Amino acid sequence: MGSDLTPDEQRFEDLRKRQRFIPPPPRIDNILSRLMSKTGYARVKSANALEGIWSEIAGPLASATRAGNIRRGVLDVICKNSAVMQELTFQKQMVLSQLNEKLEGQKVRDLKLRVVDF
């Protein structure tokens, strides 16, 4: 069988035998999600959304507080003084329920309150 083939046909046959499985190209949604996580765009977008939601929920206390990051279901809240922190402690359950209603795709189960002068 190999002897009756021309040299060009033999080269083609050799190439055909050497071909390996070539995986399909990656899906565009996987590429975009990896790109967004590497550049931090998703985190910035969610932080901006959280700032707006926090100013609505905190009401008059919004000027004396800042919402930080959500890690493992705990929202880090920075308070200007201990009186504001104590007031948020009293309203914690109401704030948590309102946060969970307004946040999409994230569940906040606790608030970590700390006093920092900003």
N, C-alpha and C. Protein backbone atom coordinates (compact mmCIF):
# COMPACT_ATOMS: atom_id res chain seq x y z
N MET A 1 0.82 -1.18 0.00
CA MET A 1 0.00 0.00 0.00
C MET A 1 0.87 1.26 0.00
N GLY A 2 1.97 1.25 0.78
CA GLY A 2 2.83 2.41 0.82
C GLY A 2 3.66 2.57 -0.43
N SER A 3 3.90 1.48 -1.17
CA SER A 3 4.78 1.57 -2.33
C SER A 3 4.07 2.11 -3.57
N ASP A 4 2.74 1.95 -3.67
CA ASP A 4 2.04 2.42 -4.86
C ASP A 4 1.60 3.89 -4.75
N LEU A 5 1.96 4.59 -3.66
CA LEU A 5 1.62 6.00 -3.51
C LEU A 5 2.76 6.87 -4.01
N THR A 6 2.41 7.99 -4.57
CA THR A 6 3.43 8.95 -5.01
C THR A 6 4.02 9.62 -3.77
N PRO A 7 5.18 10.28 -3.91
CA PRO A 7 5.80 10.94 -2.74
C PRO A 7 4.89 12.00 -2.12
N ASP A 8 4.15 12.73 -2.95
CA ASP A 8 3.22 13.73 -2.39
C ASP A 8 2.10 13.05 -1.61
N GLU A 9 1.58 11.96 -2.12
CA GLU A 9 0.51 11.23 -1.42
C GLU A 9 1.04 10.63 -0.13
N GLN A 10 2.30 10.18 -0.12
CA GLN A 10 2.89 9.61 1.09
C GLN A 10 3.03 10.70 2.17
N ARG A 11 3.48 11.91 1.76
CA ARG A 11 3.59 13.01 2.71
C ARG A 11 2.21 13.38 3.29
N PHE A 12 1.21 13.42 2.42
CA PHE A 12 -0.15 13.72 2.86
C PHE A 12 -0.65 12.65 3.83
N GLU A 13 -0.38 11.40 3.52
CA GLU A 13 -0.79 10.30 4.40
C GLU A 13 -0.09 10.38 5.75
N ASP A 14 1.21 10.72 5.74
CA ASP A 14 1.95 10.89 6.99
C ASP A 14 1.37 12.03 7.83
N LEU A 15 1.05 13.15 7.18
CA LEU A 15 0.45 14.27 7.90
C LEU A 15 -0.90 13.90 8.49
N ARG A 16 -1.69 13.17 7.74
CA ARG A 16 -3.00 12.76 8.22
C ARG A 16 -2.88 11.87 9.45
N LYS A 17 -1.90 11.00 9.48
CA LYS A 17 -1.71 10.11 10.62
C LYS A 17 -1.21 10.87 11.85
N ARG A 18 -0.44 11.95 11.62
CA ARG A 18 0.13 12.71 12.73
C ARG A 18 -0.84 13.71 13.34
N GLN A 19 -1.92 14.00 12.67
CA GLN A 19 -2.87 15.00 13.18
C GLN A 19 -3.43 14.56 14.53
N ARG A 20 -3.53 15.49 15.40
CA ARG A 20 -4.06 15.23 16.72
C ARG A 20 -5.37 15.99 16.87
N PHE A 21 -6.06 15.66 17.94
CA PHE A 21 -7.31 16.35 18.23
C PHE A 21 -7.01 17.80 18.59
N ILE A 22 -7.63 18.71 17.90
CA ILE A 22 -7.47 20.13 18.19
C ILE A 22 -8.74 20.58 18.92
N PRO A 23 -8.59 21.06 20.16
CA PRO A 23 -9.79 21.46 20.91
C PRO A 23 -10.47 22.66 20.26
N PRO A 24 -11.77 22.77 20.45
CA PRO A 24 -12.48 23.92 19.88
C PRO A 24 -12.03 25.20 20.59
N PRO A 25 -12.21 26.33 19.97
CA PRO A 25 -11.81 27.60 20.61
C PRO A 25 -12.67 27.84 21.86
N PRO A 26 -12.12 28.55 22.85
CA PRO A 26 -12.89 28.80 24.08
C PRO A 26 -14.10 29.68 23.79
N ARG A 27 -15.12 29.48 24.64
CA ARG A 27 -16.35 30.27 24.47
C ARG A 27 -16.10 31.70 24.90
N ILE A 28 -16.80 32.62 24.25
CA ILE A 28 -16.60 34.05 24.50
C ILE A 28 -17.06 34.43 25.91
N ASP A 29 -18.10 33.78 26.44
CA ASP A 29 -18.54 34.13 27.79
C ASP A 29 -17.51 33.75 28.84
N ASN A 30 -16.79 32.64 28.62
CA ASN A 30 -15.72 32.28 29.55
C ASN A 30 -14.56 33.27 29.48
N ILE A 31 -14.24 33.71 28.28
CA ILE A 31 -13.16 34.67 28.11
C ILE A 31 -13.52 35.99 28.79
N LEU A 32 -14.75 36.46 28.60
CA LEU A 32 -15.16 37.73 29.18
C LEU A 32 -15.21 37.67 30.71
N SER A 33 -15.70 36.57 31.26
CA SER A 33 -15.77 36.47 32.72
C SER A 33 -14.38 36.44 33.33
N ARG A 34 -13.43 35.75 32.69
CA ARG A 34 -12.06 35.76 33.20
C ARG A 34 -11.44 37.15 33.08
N LEU A 35 -11.72 37.83 31.99
CA LEU A 35 -11.18 39.18 31.80
C LEU A 35 -11.75 40.14 32.84
N MET A 36 -13.04 40.05 33.10
CA MET A 36 -13.65 40.93 34.09
C MET A 36 -13.10 40.66 35.48
N SER A 37 -12.85 39.41 35.82
CA SER A 37 -12.32 39.11 37.15
C SER A 37 -10.86 39.54 37.26
N LYS A 38 -10.08 39.40 36.19
CA LYS A 38 -8.68 39.82 36.24
C LYS A 38 -8.53 41.33 36.33
N THR A 39 -9.35 42.06 35.60
CA THR A 39 -9.23 43.52 35.62
C THR A 39 -9.91 44.15 36.82
N GLY A 40 -10.77 43.41 37.50
CA GLY A 40 -11.46 43.94 38.67
C GLY A 40 -12.68 44.76 38.33
N TYR A 41 -13.13 44.70 37.08
CA TYR A 41 -14.29 45.50 36.67
C TYR A 41 -15.54 45.09 37.43
N ALA A 42 -15.73 43.80 37.65
CA ALA A 42 -16.93 43.34 38.36
C ALA A 42 -16.94 43.85 39.79
N ARG A 43 -15.78 43.88 40.42
CA ARG A 43 -15.70 44.34 41.81
C ARG A 43 -15.99 45.84 41.89
N VAL A 44 -15.47 46.62 40.95
CA VAL A 44 -15.72 48.06 40.94
C VAL A 44 -17.19 48.34 40.69
N LYS A 45 -17.78 47.60 39.77
CA LYS A 45 -19.19 47.79 39.46
C LYS A 45 -20.05 47.47 40.67
N SER A 46 -19.75 46.38 41.37
CA SER A 46 -20.56 46.02 42.54
C SER A 46 -20.32 46.99 43.69
N ALA A 47 -19.09 47.52 43.82
CA ALA A 47 -18.81 48.50 44.88
C ALA A 47 -19.59 49.79 44.64
N ASN A 48 -19.69 50.22 43.39
CA ASN A 48 -20.46 51.43 43.08
C ASN A 48 -21.94 51.21 43.35
N ALA A 49 -22.44 50.04 43.00
CA ALA A 49 -23.85 49.74 43.26
C ALA A 49 -24.11 49.69 44.76
N LEU A 50 -23.16 49.12 45.51
CA LEU A 50 -23.32 49.03 46.96
C LEU A 50 -23.33 50.40 47.62
N GLU A 51 -22.53 51.32 47.12
CA GLU A 51 -22.52 52.68 47.68
C GLU A 51 -23.89 53.35 47.53
N GLY A 52 -24.49 53.21 46.36
CA GLY A 52 -25.81 53.80 46.14
C GLY A 52 -26.87 53.18 47.02
N ILE A 53 -26.83 51.87 47.12
CA ILE A 53 -27.82 51.16 47.95
C ILE A 53 -27.61 51.52 49.42
N TRP A 54 -26.35 51.60 49.86
CA TRP A 54 -26.08 51.92 51.26
C TRP A 54 -26.59 53.31 51.62
N SER A 55 -26.42 54.28 50.72
CA SER A 55 -26.89 55.64 51.03
C SER A 55 -28.41 55.68 51.17
N GLU A 56 -29.12 54.82 50.40
CA GLU A 56 -30.59 54.75 50.55
C GLU A 56 -30.98 54.11 51.87
N ILE A 57 -30.33 53.02 52.21
CA ILE A 57 -30.72 52.24 53.39
C ILE A 57 -30.31 52.94 54.69
N ALA A 58 -29.11 53.49 54.74
CA ALA A 58 -28.62 54.10 55.98
C ALA A 58 -29.33 55.40 56.30
N GLY A 59 -29.90 56.04 55.30
CA GLY A 59 -30.65 57.27 55.53
C GLY A 59 -29.79 58.37 56.11
N PRO A 60 -30.19 58.92 57.27
CA PRO A 60 -29.42 60.02 57.85
C PRO A 60 -28.04 59.60 58.35
N LEU A 61 -27.85 58.30 58.57
CA LEU A 61 -26.54 57.82 59.03
C LEU A 61 -25.55 57.65 57.87
N ALA A 62 -26.01 57.80 56.65
CA ALA A 62 -25.15 57.57 55.48
C ALA A 62 -23.96 58.54 55.44
N SER A 63 -24.17 59.76 55.93
CA SER A 63 -23.06 60.73 55.90
C SER A 63 -21.98 60.39 56.93
N ALA A 64 -22.32 59.62 57.94
CA ALA A 64 -21.37 59.26 58.99
C ALA A 64 -20.86 57.83 58.85
N THR A 65 -21.22 57.15 57.76
CA THR A 65 -20.79 55.77 57.56
C THR A 65 -20.34 55.57 56.11
N ARG A 66 -19.58 54.51 55.92
CA ARG A 66 -19.18 54.09 54.57
C ARG A 66 -19.26 52.57 54.51
N ALA A 67 -19.85 52.07 53.44
CA ALA A 67 -19.92 50.63 53.24
C ALA A 67 -18.66 50.17 52.52
N GLY A 68 -18.08 49.10 53.02
CA GLY A 68 -16.86 48.56 52.42
C GLY A 68 -17.19 47.37 51.53
N ASN A 69 -16.38 46.34 51.63
CA ASN A 69 -16.55 45.15 50.82
C ASN A 69 -17.42 44.12 51.51
N ILE A 70 -17.99 43.24 50.71
CA ILE A 70 -18.72 42.09 51.24
C ILE A 70 -17.83 40.89 51.07
N ARG A 71 -17.45 40.28 52.19
CA ARG A 71 -16.62 39.08 52.16
C ARG A 71 -17.31 37.99 52.96
N ARG A 72 -17.58 36.89 52.29
CA ARG A 72 -18.21 35.73 52.92
C ARG A 72 -19.52 36.10 53.60
N GLY A 73 -20.26 37.00 52.99
CA GLY A 73 -21.57 37.37 53.50
C GLY A 73 -21.55 38.42 54.59
N VAL A 74 -20.39 39.01 54.87
CA VAL A 74 -20.27 40.02 55.93
C VAL A 74 -19.88 41.35 55.27
N LEU A 75 -20.73 42.35 55.50
CA LEU A 75 -20.47 43.69 54.96
C LEU A 75 -19.68 44.49 55.99
N ASP A 76 -18.55 45.02 55.56
CA ASP A 76 -17.70 45.84 56.42
C ASP A 76 -18.21 47.28 56.36
N VAL A 77 -18.60 47.83 57.50
CA VAL A 77 -19.12 49.20 57.57
C VAL A 77 -18.22 50.02 58.47
N ILE A 78 -17.76 51.15 57.94
CA ILE A 78 -16.90 52.05 58.71
C ILE A 78 -17.77 53.18 59.23
N CYS A 79 -17.70 53.41 60.54
CA CYS A 79 -18.51 54.45 61.20
C CYS A 79 -17.59 55.58 61.67
N LYS A 80 -18.14 56.78 61.69
CA LYS A 80 -17.35 57.95 62.08
C LYS A 80 -17.10 57.99 63.58
N ASN A 81 -18.09 57.56 64.39
CA ASN A 81 -17.91 57.55 65.84
C ASN A 81 -18.71 56.40 66.45
N SER A 82 -18.54 56.21 67.74
CA SER A 82 -19.16 55.06 68.40
C SER A 82 -20.69 55.22 68.53
N ALA A 83 -21.18 56.44 68.56
CA ALA A 83 -22.63 56.64 68.65
C ALA A 83 -23.32 56.14 67.38
N VAL A 84 -22.72 56.42 66.24
CA VAL A 84 -23.26 55.95 64.97
C VAL A 84 -23.18 54.43 64.91
N MET A 85 -22.07 53.89 65.39
CA MET A 85 -21.92 52.43 65.39
C MET A 85 -22.98 51.77 66.28
N GLN A 86 -23.26 52.35 67.42
CA GLN A 86 -24.27 51.78 68.31
C GLN A 86 -25.67 51.88 67.69
N GLU A 87 -25.96 52.98 67.02
CA GLU A 87 -27.26 53.13 66.36
C GLU A 87 -27.43 52.08 65.26
N LEU A 88 -26.36 51.83 64.50
CA LEU A 88 -26.43 50.78 63.48
C LEU A 88 -26.58 49.40 64.10
N THR A 89 -25.99 49.20 65.25
CA THR A 89 -26.15 47.92 65.95
C THR A 89 -27.61 47.71 66.32
N PHE A 90 -28.29 48.75 66.77
CA PHE A 90 -29.71 48.63 67.11
C PHE A 90 -30.55 48.35 65.87
N GLN A 91 -30.17 48.90 64.73
CA GLN A 91 -30.96 48.75 63.50
C GLN A 91 -30.43 47.64 62.59
N LYS A 92 -29.55 46.79 63.09
CA LYS A 92 -28.85 45.82 62.25
C LYS A 92 -29.80 44.90 61.48
N GLN A 93 -30.80 44.34 62.13
CA GLN A 93 -31.71 43.40 61.46
C GLN A 93 -32.50 44.08 60.35
N MET A 94 -32.94 45.30 60.59
CA MET A 94 -33.68 46.03 59.57
C MET A 94 -32.76 46.35 58.38
N VAL A 95 -31.54 46.77 58.66
CA VAL A 95 -30.58 47.10 57.60
C VAL A 95 -30.26 45.86 56.78
N LEU A 96 -30.04 44.72 57.46
CA LEU A 96 -29.73 43.48 56.75
C LEU A 96 -30.88 43.05 55.83
N SER A 97 -32.10 43.15 56.32
CA SER A 97 -33.23 42.74 55.48
C SER A 97 -33.38 43.65 54.26
N GLN A 98 -33.18 44.96 54.45
CA GLN A 98 -33.28 45.88 53.32
C GLN A 98 -32.13 45.67 52.32
N LEU A 99 -30.94 45.39 52.84
CA LEU A 99 -29.81 45.12 51.96
C LEU A 99 -30.07 43.89 51.09
N ASN A 100 -30.56 42.84 51.70
CA ASN A 100 -30.81 41.60 50.96
C ASN A 100 -31.93 41.76 49.94
N GLU A 101 -32.87 42.66 50.20
CA GLU A 101 -33.92 42.93 49.21
C GLU A 101 -33.36 43.65 48.00
N LYS A 102 -32.44 44.60 48.23
CA LYS A 102 -31.95 45.44 47.14
C LYS A 102 -30.76 44.87 46.39
N LEU A 103 -29.93 44.09 47.06
CA LEU A 103 -28.76 43.51 46.39
C LEU A 103 -29.19 42.31 45.56
N GLU A 104 -28.70 42.26 44.36
CA GLU A 104 -29.04 41.15 43.47
C GLU A 104 -27.88 40.17 43.42
N GLY A 105 -28.14 38.94 43.73
CA GLY A 105 -27.13 37.90 43.63
C GLY A 105 -26.19 37.80 44.81
N GLN A 106 -26.30 38.69 45.78
CA GLN A 106 -25.45 38.62 46.96
C GLN A 106 -26.33 38.56 48.19
N LYS A 107 -25.87 37.81 49.17
CA LYS A 107 -26.61 37.69 50.43
C LYS A 107 -25.71 38.19 51.54
N VAL A 108 -26.20 39.17 52.28
CA VAL A 108 -25.47 39.71 53.43
C VAL A 108 -26.10 39.13 54.68
N ARG A 109 -25.29 38.44 55.47
CA ARG A 109 -25.84 37.82 56.68
C ARG A 109 -25.41 38.52 57.96
N ASP A 110 -24.42 39.44 57.84
CA ASP A 110 -23.97 40.15 59.05
C ASP A 110 -23.28 41.45 58.65
N LEU A 111 -23.18 42.36 59.62
CA LEU A 111 -22.45 43.61 59.43
C LEU A 111 -21.27 43.62 60.37
N LYS A 112 -20.13 44.01 59.86
CA LYS A 112 -18.94 44.19 60.71
C LYS A 112 -18.76 45.69 60.87
N LEU A 113 -19.05 46.20 62.04
CA LEU A 113 -19.00 47.63 62.30
C LEU A 113 -17.70 47.98 63.00
N ARG A 114 -17.08 49.06 62.54
CA ARG A 114 -15.86 49.54 63.21
C ARG A 114 -15.78 51.04 63.10
N VAL A 115 -15.12 51.63 64.07
CA VAL A 115 -15.00 53.09 64.13
C VAL A 115 -13.65 53.51 63.56
N VAL A 116 -13.71 54.35 62.54
CA VAL A 116 -12.51 54.92 61.92
C VAL A 116 -12.85 56.36 61.57
N ASP A 117 -11.98 57.26 61.93
CA ASP A 117 -12.23 58.67 61.59
C ASP A 117 -11.83 58.89 60.13
N PHE A 118 -12.81 59.31 59.33
CA PHE A 118 -12.53 59.55 57.90
C PHE A 118 -12.90 60.94 57.50
